N, C-alpha and C. Protein backbone atom coordinates (compact mmCIF):
# COMPACT_ATOMS: atom_id res chain seq x y z
N MET A 1 0.84 -1.18 0.00
CA MET A 1 0.00 0.00 0.00
C MET A 1 0.88 1.24 0.00
N THR A 2 0.63 2.16 -0.89
CA THR A 2 1.41 3.39 -0.94
C THR A 2 0.60 4.52 -0.35
N THR A 3 1.31 5.44 0.26
CA THR A 3 0.65 6.62 0.79
C THR A 3 1.20 7.84 0.07
N THR A 4 0.34 8.77 -0.18
CA THR A 4 0.74 10.01 -0.82
C THR A 4 0.89 11.06 0.25
N ALA A 5 2.03 11.76 0.20
CA ALA A 5 2.26 12.81 1.18
C ALA A 5 1.24 13.93 0.97
N LYS A 6 0.82 14.49 2.07
CA LYS A 6 -0.11 15.61 1.98
C LYS A 6 0.60 16.81 1.38
N LYS A 7 -0.10 17.54 0.53
CA LYS A 7 0.40 18.80 0.00
C LYS A 7 0.37 19.83 1.12
N LYS A 8 1.41 20.64 1.18
CA LYS A 8 1.51 21.67 2.21
C LYS A 8 1.14 23.01 1.62
N ILE A 9 0.10 23.63 2.19
CA ILE A 9 -0.36 24.91 1.69
C ILE A 9 -0.41 25.94 2.81
N MET A 10 -0.34 27.20 2.41
CA MET A 10 -0.45 28.30 3.37
C MET A 10 -1.32 29.40 2.76
N PHE A 11 -2.23 29.91 3.58
CA PHE A 11 -3.00 31.09 3.23
C PHE A 11 -2.30 32.28 3.86
N LEU A 12 -2.03 33.29 3.05
CA LEU A 12 -1.27 34.46 3.50
C LEU A 12 -2.12 35.71 3.40
N CYS A 13 -2.13 36.49 4.47
CA CYS A 13 -2.87 37.74 4.53
C CYS A 13 -1.98 38.78 5.21
N THR A 14 -2.45 39.98 5.30
CA THR A 14 -1.65 41.02 5.95
C THR A 14 -1.44 40.70 7.42
N GLY A 15 -2.53 40.52 8.18
CA GLY A 15 -2.41 40.38 9.63
C GLY A 15 -2.72 39.01 10.18
N ASN A 16 -3.08 38.06 9.33
CA ASN A 16 -3.41 36.70 9.77
C ASN A 16 -4.41 36.70 10.92
N SER A 17 -5.46 37.52 10.74
CA SER A 17 -6.45 37.61 11.81
C SER A 17 -7.85 37.18 11.38
N CYS A 18 -8.14 37.23 10.09
CA CYS A 18 -9.52 37.00 9.67
C CYS A 18 -9.60 36.10 8.44
N ARG A 19 -9.35 36.65 7.25
CA ARG A 19 -9.55 35.88 6.01
C ARG A 19 -8.66 34.65 5.94
N SER A 20 -7.38 34.80 6.23
CA SER A 20 -6.48 33.64 6.16
C SER A 20 -6.83 32.62 7.22
N GLN A 21 -7.32 33.07 8.37
CA GLN A 21 -7.72 32.15 9.43
C GLN A 21 -8.97 31.37 9.02
N MET A 22 -9.94 32.07 8.41
CA MET A 22 -11.13 31.38 7.94
C MET A 22 -10.76 30.38 6.85
N ALA A 23 -9.86 30.78 5.95
CA ALA A 23 -9.44 29.88 4.87
C ALA A 23 -8.75 28.64 5.44
N GLU A 24 -7.90 28.83 6.44
CA GLU A 24 -7.25 27.68 7.08
C GLU A 24 -8.30 26.75 7.67
N GLY A 25 -9.28 27.32 8.37
CA GLY A 25 -10.33 26.50 8.97
C GLY A 25 -11.13 25.72 7.95
N TRP A 26 -11.54 26.39 6.87
CA TRP A 26 -12.31 25.70 5.84
C TRP A 26 -11.48 24.63 5.14
N ALA A 27 -10.23 24.93 4.82
CA ALA A 27 -9.39 23.94 4.13
C ALA A 27 -9.19 22.70 5.00
N ARG A 28 -8.99 22.89 6.28
CA ARG A 28 -8.88 21.73 7.18
C ARG A 28 -10.20 20.97 7.25
N HIS A 29 -11.28 21.72 7.31
CA HIS A 29 -12.61 21.10 7.40
C HIS A 29 -12.88 20.18 6.20
N PHE A 30 -12.57 20.68 5.01
CA PHE A 30 -12.88 19.93 3.79
C PHE A 30 -11.79 18.95 3.36
N HIS A 31 -10.52 19.27 3.64
CA HIS A 31 -9.43 18.53 2.99
C HIS A 31 -8.31 18.08 3.92
N SER A 32 -8.57 17.90 5.21
CA SER A 32 -7.49 17.53 6.13
C SER A 32 -6.87 16.18 5.78
N ASP A 33 -7.58 15.36 5.03
CA ASP A 33 -7.03 14.07 4.62
C ASP A 33 -6.00 14.21 3.49
N ARG A 34 -6.03 15.33 2.77
CA ARG A 34 -5.14 15.51 1.61
C ARG A 34 -4.18 16.68 1.74
N LEU A 35 -4.48 17.61 2.68
CA LEU A 35 -3.66 18.82 2.78
C LEU A 35 -3.16 19.05 4.20
N GLU A 36 -1.95 19.55 4.29
CA GLU A 36 -1.42 20.09 5.54
C GLU A 36 -1.58 21.60 5.40
N VAL A 37 -2.44 22.19 6.22
CA VAL A 37 -2.87 23.57 6.02
C VAL A 37 -2.28 24.49 7.08
N HIS A 38 -1.79 25.64 6.62
CA HIS A 38 -1.24 26.67 7.50
C HIS A 38 -1.82 28.02 7.07
N SER A 39 -1.72 28.98 7.96
CA SER A 39 -1.98 30.37 7.59
C SER A 39 -0.96 31.23 8.31
N ALA A 40 -0.69 32.40 7.74
CA ALA A 40 0.27 33.32 8.33
C ALA A 40 0.00 34.71 7.77
N GLY A 41 0.70 35.68 8.34
CA GLY A 41 0.56 37.05 7.89
C GLY A 41 1.90 37.73 7.72
N ILE A 42 1.88 38.78 6.97
CA ILE A 42 3.06 39.64 6.87
C ILE A 42 3.27 40.30 8.23
N GLU A 43 2.17 40.50 8.94
CA GLU A 43 2.15 40.96 10.33
C GLU A 43 1.27 39.97 11.09
N ALA A 44 1.27 40.05 12.42
CA ALA A 44 0.39 39.20 13.23
C ALA A 44 -0.48 40.10 14.09
N HIS A 45 -1.77 40.14 13.77
CA HIS A 45 -2.71 41.03 14.46
C HIS A 45 -3.57 40.34 15.51
N GLY A 46 -3.42 39.05 15.70
CA GLY A 46 -4.28 38.32 16.62
C GLY A 46 -5.52 37.83 15.91
N LEU A 47 -6.15 36.85 16.48
CA LEU A 47 -7.34 36.22 15.88
C LEU A 47 -8.55 37.13 16.07
N ASN A 48 -9.25 37.44 14.98
CA ASN A 48 -10.41 38.32 15.02
C ASN A 48 -11.59 37.56 15.64
N PRO A 49 -12.16 38.07 16.73
CA PRO A 49 -13.27 37.37 17.39
C PRO A 49 -14.51 37.22 16.52
N ASN A 50 -14.75 38.16 15.62
CA ASN A 50 -15.91 38.03 14.72
C ASN A 50 -15.69 36.92 13.71
N ALA A 51 -14.46 36.73 13.26
CA ALA A 51 -14.16 35.61 12.37
C ALA A 51 -14.40 34.29 13.09
N VAL A 52 -13.96 34.21 14.33
CA VAL A 52 -14.18 33.00 15.13
C VAL A 52 -15.68 32.74 15.27
N ALA A 53 -16.44 33.80 15.55
CA ALA A 53 -17.89 33.66 15.77
C ALA A 53 -18.62 33.16 14.52
N VAL A 54 -18.32 33.75 13.36
CA VAL A 54 -19.05 33.34 12.16
C VAL A 54 -18.63 31.95 11.69
N MET A 55 -17.39 31.59 11.94
CA MET A 55 -16.97 30.23 11.60
C MET A 55 -17.67 29.23 12.52
N GLN A 56 -17.79 29.58 13.79
CA GLN A 56 -18.50 28.71 14.74
C GLN A 56 -19.95 28.53 14.31
N GLU A 57 -20.59 29.60 13.83
CA GLU A 57 -21.96 29.50 13.31
C GLU A 57 -22.06 28.45 12.20
N ALA A 58 -20.99 28.33 11.41
CA ALA A 58 -20.98 27.39 10.28
C ALA A 58 -20.48 26.01 10.68
N GLY A 59 -20.17 25.83 11.96
CA GLY A 59 -19.75 24.53 12.44
C GLY A 59 -18.26 24.25 12.35
N VAL A 60 -17.45 25.29 12.16
CA VAL A 60 -16.00 25.12 12.07
C VAL A 60 -15.36 25.94 13.19
N ASP A 61 -14.63 25.26 14.05
CA ASP A 61 -14.00 25.91 15.20
C ASP A 61 -12.57 26.32 14.85
N ILE A 62 -12.31 27.63 14.81
CA ILE A 62 -10.95 28.11 14.56
C ILE A 62 -10.37 28.78 15.81
N SER A 63 -11.04 28.62 16.94
CA SER A 63 -10.62 29.33 18.15
C SER A 63 -9.25 28.91 18.66
N ASN A 64 -8.77 27.74 18.30
CA ASN A 64 -7.44 27.29 18.74
C ASN A 64 -6.35 27.62 17.75
N GLN A 65 -6.70 28.23 16.62
CA GLN A 65 -5.68 28.68 15.67
C GLN A 65 -5.03 29.94 16.24
N SER A 66 -3.85 30.27 15.73
CA SER A 66 -3.17 31.46 16.23
C SER A 66 -2.66 32.30 15.08
N SER A 67 -2.59 33.59 15.33
CA SER A 67 -2.07 34.53 14.36
C SER A 67 -0.54 34.47 14.41
N LYS A 68 0.08 34.26 13.26
CA LYS A 68 1.54 34.12 13.25
C LYS A 68 2.14 34.79 12.03
N LEU A 69 3.41 35.10 12.14
CA LEU A 69 4.16 35.72 11.05
C LEU A 69 4.58 34.66 10.04
N VAL A 70 4.65 35.05 8.78
CA VAL A 70 5.02 34.13 7.72
C VAL A 70 6.39 33.52 7.98
N GLY A 71 7.30 34.24 8.60
CA GLY A 71 8.64 33.73 8.88
C GLY A 71 8.66 32.52 9.79
N THR A 72 7.61 32.33 10.59
CA THR A 72 7.57 31.18 11.49
C THR A 72 7.38 29.87 10.73
N LEU A 73 7.00 29.97 9.46
CA LEU A 73 6.79 28.78 8.63
C LEU A 73 7.90 28.62 7.59
N ALA A 74 9.01 29.31 7.79
CA ALA A 74 10.10 29.30 6.81
C ALA A 74 10.65 27.90 6.55
N GLU A 75 10.59 27.02 7.53
CA GLU A 75 11.15 25.68 7.37
C GLU A 75 10.15 24.68 6.77
N VAL A 76 8.91 25.11 6.55
CA VAL A 76 7.90 24.22 5.97
C VAL A 76 8.03 24.27 4.44
N PRO A 77 8.29 23.14 3.80
CA PRO A 77 8.41 23.12 2.33
C PRO A 77 7.02 23.21 1.68
N LEU A 78 6.58 24.42 1.45
CA LEU A 78 5.23 24.66 0.95
C LEU A 78 5.10 24.32 -0.53
N ASP A 79 3.99 23.70 -0.87
CA ASP A 79 3.66 23.43 -2.27
C ASP A 79 2.90 24.59 -2.88
N LEU A 80 2.08 25.25 -2.07
CA LEU A 80 1.21 26.31 -2.57
C LEU A 80 1.02 27.38 -1.51
N VAL A 81 1.13 28.64 -1.92
CA VAL A 81 0.79 29.79 -1.08
C VAL A 81 -0.33 30.53 -1.79
N ILE A 82 -1.40 30.79 -1.03
CA ILE A 82 -2.54 31.52 -1.57
C ILE A 82 -2.67 32.82 -0.81
N THR A 83 -2.47 33.94 -1.51
CA THR A 83 -2.68 35.24 -0.87
C THR A 83 -4.17 35.54 -0.92
N VAL A 84 -4.71 36.00 0.21
CA VAL A 84 -6.15 36.22 0.29
C VAL A 84 -6.51 37.70 0.36
N CYS A 85 -5.51 38.57 0.29
CA CYS A 85 -5.78 40.01 0.25
C CYS A 85 -4.77 40.67 -0.68
N GLY A 86 -5.15 41.82 -1.20
CA GLY A 86 -4.30 42.52 -2.15
C GLY A 86 -2.96 42.93 -1.57
N HIS A 87 -2.95 43.39 -0.33
CA HIS A 87 -1.69 43.82 0.29
C HIS A 87 -0.71 42.66 0.40
N ALA A 88 -1.19 41.51 0.79
CA ALA A 88 -0.31 40.34 0.89
C ALA A 88 0.17 39.92 -0.49
N ASP A 89 -0.70 40.02 -1.49
CA ASP A 89 -0.31 39.66 -2.85
C ASP A 89 0.80 40.58 -3.35
N GLU A 90 0.64 41.88 -3.09
CA GLU A 90 1.62 42.87 -3.54
C GLU A 90 2.93 42.79 -2.76
N ASN A 91 2.88 42.29 -1.53
CA ASN A 91 4.06 42.25 -0.67
C ASN A 91 4.45 40.82 -0.29
N CYS A 92 4.06 39.88 -1.12
CA CYS A 92 4.31 38.48 -0.83
C CYS A 92 5.81 38.20 -0.79
N PRO A 93 6.27 37.55 0.26
CA PRO A 93 7.69 37.19 0.30
C PRO A 93 8.02 36.18 -0.79
N VAL A 94 9.29 36.02 -1.05
CA VAL A 94 9.75 35.06 -2.04
C VAL A 94 9.85 33.69 -1.38
N PHE A 95 9.31 32.69 -2.04
CA PHE A 95 9.36 31.31 -1.57
C PHE A 95 10.25 30.50 -2.50
N SER A 96 10.49 29.26 -2.17
CA SER A 96 11.34 28.42 -3.01
C SER A 96 10.74 28.28 -4.40
N SER A 97 11.56 27.89 -5.35
CA SER A 97 11.08 27.75 -6.73
C SER A 97 10.05 26.64 -6.86
N GLN A 98 9.96 25.74 -5.88
CA GLN A 98 8.97 24.66 -5.92
C GLN A 98 7.60 25.12 -5.41
N THR A 99 7.53 26.30 -4.82
CA THR A 99 6.28 26.79 -4.24
C THR A 99 5.51 27.60 -5.27
N GLN A 100 4.32 27.16 -5.56
CA GLN A 100 3.42 27.91 -6.44
C GLN A 100 2.72 28.97 -5.60
N THR A 101 2.59 30.18 -6.13
CA THR A 101 1.89 31.26 -5.44
C THR A 101 0.75 31.73 -6.32
N VAL A 102 -0.45 31.78 -5.75
CA VAL A 102 -1.62 32.28 -6.47
C VAL A 102 -2.37 33.27 -5.59
N HIS A 103 -3.11 34.15 -6.24
CA HIS A 103 -3.90 35.13 -5.51
C HIS A 103 -5.37 34.74 -5.57
N GLY A 104 -5.99 34.69 -4.41
CA GLY A 104 -7.43 34.44 -4.30
C GLY A 104 -8.02 35.52 -3.41
N GLY A 105 -8.16 36.71 -3.91
CA GLY A 105 -8.56 37.85 -3.09
C GLY A 105 -9.98 37.81 -2.59
N PHE A 106 -10.14 38.26 -1.36
CA PHE A 106 -11.46 38.36 -0.72
C PHE A 106 -11.55 39.72 -0.04
N ASP A 107 -12.77 40.26 0.03
CA ASP A 107 -12.99 41.53 0.73
C ASP A 107 -12.58 41.41 2.19
N ASP A 108 -12.26 42.55 2.79
CA ASP A 108 -11.81 42.63 4.19
C ASP A 108 -13.02 42.88 5.10
N PRO A 109 -13.52 41.84 5.79
CA PRO A 109 -14.71 42.03 6.63
C PRO A 109 -14.57 43.12 7.70
N PRO A 110 -13.47 43.21 8.45
CA PRO A 110 -13.39 44.28 9.44
C PRO A 110 -13.49 45.67 8.83
N LYS A 111 -12.90 45.85 7.67
CA LYS A 111 -12.98 47.15 6.99
C LYS A 111 -14.42 47.44 6.57
N LEU A 112 -15.09 46.46 5.99
CA LEU A 112 -16.49 46.64 5.58
C LEU A 112 -17.39 46.88 6.79
N ALA A 113 -17.11 46.20 7.89
CA ALA A 113 -17.95 46.29 9.09
C ALA A 113 -17.89 47.67 9.73
N ARG A 114 -16.81 48.40 9.51
CA ARG A 114 -16.69 49.75 10.10
C ARG A 114 -17.82 50.67 9.66
N ASP A 115 -18.33 50.50 8.44
CA ASP A 115 -19.37 51.36 7.92
C ASP A 115 -20.78 50.79 8.10
N ALA A 116 -20.89 49.68 8.81
CA ALA A 116 -22.20 49.05 9.01
C ALA A 116 -23.06 49.89 9.96
N ALA A 117 -24.35 49.89 9.68
CA ALA A 117 -25.29 50.66 10.50
C ALA A 117 -25.62 49.97 11.82
N THR A 118 -25.53 48.63 11.84
CA THR A 118 -25.87 47.87 13.04
C THR A 118 -24.83 46.76 13.25
N PRO A 119 -24.74 46.23 14.46
CA PRO A 119 -23.85 45.09 14.68
C PRO A 119 -24.20 43.89 13.80
N GLU A 120 -25.48 43.65 13.56
CA GLU A 120 -25.89 42.53 12.71
C GLU A 120 -25.44 42.75 11.27
N GLU A 121 -25.55 43.96 10.79
CA GLU A 121 -25.08 44.27 9.44
C GLU A 121 -23.56 44.06 9.35
N ALA A 122 -22.85 44.43 10.40
CA ALA A 122 -21.40 44.22 10.44
C ALA A 122 -21.08 42.73 10.34
N MET A 123 -21.81 41.92 11.10
CA MET A 123 -21.57 40.48 11.07
C MET A 123 -21.94 39.88 9.70
N ASP A 124 -22.90 40.47 9.03
CA ASP A 124 -23.26 39.98 7.70
C ASP A 124 -22.09 40.09 6.72
N HIS A 125 -21.25 41.11 6.87
CA HIS A 125 -20.05 41.21 6.03
C HIS A 125 -19.12 40.03 6.29
N PHE A 126 -18.94 39.69 7.57
CA PHE A 126 -18.10 38.54 7.93
C PHE A 126 -18.70 37.25 7.36
N ARG A 127 -20.02 37.11 7.45
CA ARG A 127 -20.68 35.91 6.95
C ARG A 127 -20.53 35.77 5.43
N ARG A 128 -20.70 36.86 4.72
CA ARG A 128 -20.58 36.80 3.26
C ARG A 128 -19.18 36.36 2.85
N VAL A 129 -18.16 36.97 3.45
CA VAL A 129 -16.79 36.61 3.10
C VAL A 129 -16.48 35.18 3.56
N ARG A 130 -16.98 34.79 4.72
CA ARG A 130 -16.83 33.40 5.19
C ARG A 130 -17.35 32.42 4.14
N ASP A 131 -18.53 32.72 3.61
CA ASP A 131 -19.14 31.82 2.64
C ASP A 131 -18.39 31.82 1.31
N GLU A 132 -17.85 32.96 0.90
CA GLU A 132 -17.04 33.01 -0.31
C GLU A 132 -15.76 32.19 -0.14
N ILE A 133 -15.15 32.28 1.03
CA ILE A 133 -13.94 31.51 1.30
C ILE A 133 -14.28 30.03 1.39
N ARG A 134 -15.41 29.70 1.98
CA ARG A 134 -15.88 28.30 2.03
C ARG A 134 -15.99 27.72 0.63
N ASP A 135 -16.64 28.45 -0.26
CA ASP A 135 -16.82 27.98 -1.63
C ASP A 135 -15.47 27.79 -2.33
N PHE A 136 -14.56 28.72 -2.12
CA PHE A 136 -13.22 28.62 -2.71
C PHE A 136 -12.51 27.36 -2.19
N ALA A 137 -12.53 27.18 -0.88
CA ALA A 137 -11.84 26.03 -0.28
C ALA A 137 -12.47 24.72 -0.71
N ARG A 138 -13.77 24.68 -0.79
CA ARG A 138 -14.48 23.45 -1.15
C ARG A 138 -14.35 23.13 -2.64
N ASP A 139 -14.50 24.14 -3.48
CA ASP A 139 -14.66 23.92 -4.92
C ASP A 139 -13.40 24.11 -5.75
N ARG A 140 -12.45 24.92 -5.29
CA ARG A 140 -11.32 25.26 -6.15
C ARG A 140 -9.95 24.85 -5.60
N LEU A 141 -9.86 24.66 -4.30
CA LEU A 141 -8.55 24.47 -3.68
C LEU A 141 -7.81 23.25 -4.20
N LEU A 142 -8.45 22.10 -4.24
CA LEU A 142 -7.75 20.89 -4.68
C LEU A 142 -7.30 20.98 -6.13
N LYS A 143 -8.01 21.72 -6.95
CA LYS A 143 -7.60 21.92 -8.34
C LYS A 143 -6.29 22.71 -8.41
N LEU A 144 -6.08 23.61 -7.45
CA LEU A 144 -4.87 24.42 -7.45
C LEU A 144 -3.64 23.63 -7.02
N VAL A 145 -3.80 22.68 -6.12
CA VAL A 145 -2.65 21.92 -5.63
C VAL A 145 -2.36 20.69 -6.48
N GLY A 146 -3.26 20.37 -7.37
CA GLY A 146 -3.02 19.27 -8.30
C GLY A 146 -3.24 17.89 -7.77
């Protein structure tokens, strides 16, 4: 019986607090049997409590994940890095020549929530982006890693 090594992927965002954390949670939820999933940021802003809350609503617990700098994963031989925000895409560090880098941009829920009229409207921004990231992780991720 042969076993195939899991592909190692990382979701990269500016602060590793929201979008990349949700993407890590969804990728583990759908593909933990095939992928070793990480997330990191160019900076580390801490885990966004609203991201944790909306993921919990969807049945995915990300509360034990942590916000970390991309440099902490320097020793992980990544197969794929997915930038989830424009700033991370524009400032993406250089990875080994074996690492594929793609951009899968998503709106910034905390930024959108600042202009919300009510707390529920603010959370709706988080929910919409959560669902967009869910669809990406479920429907497109495995195609990217081959």
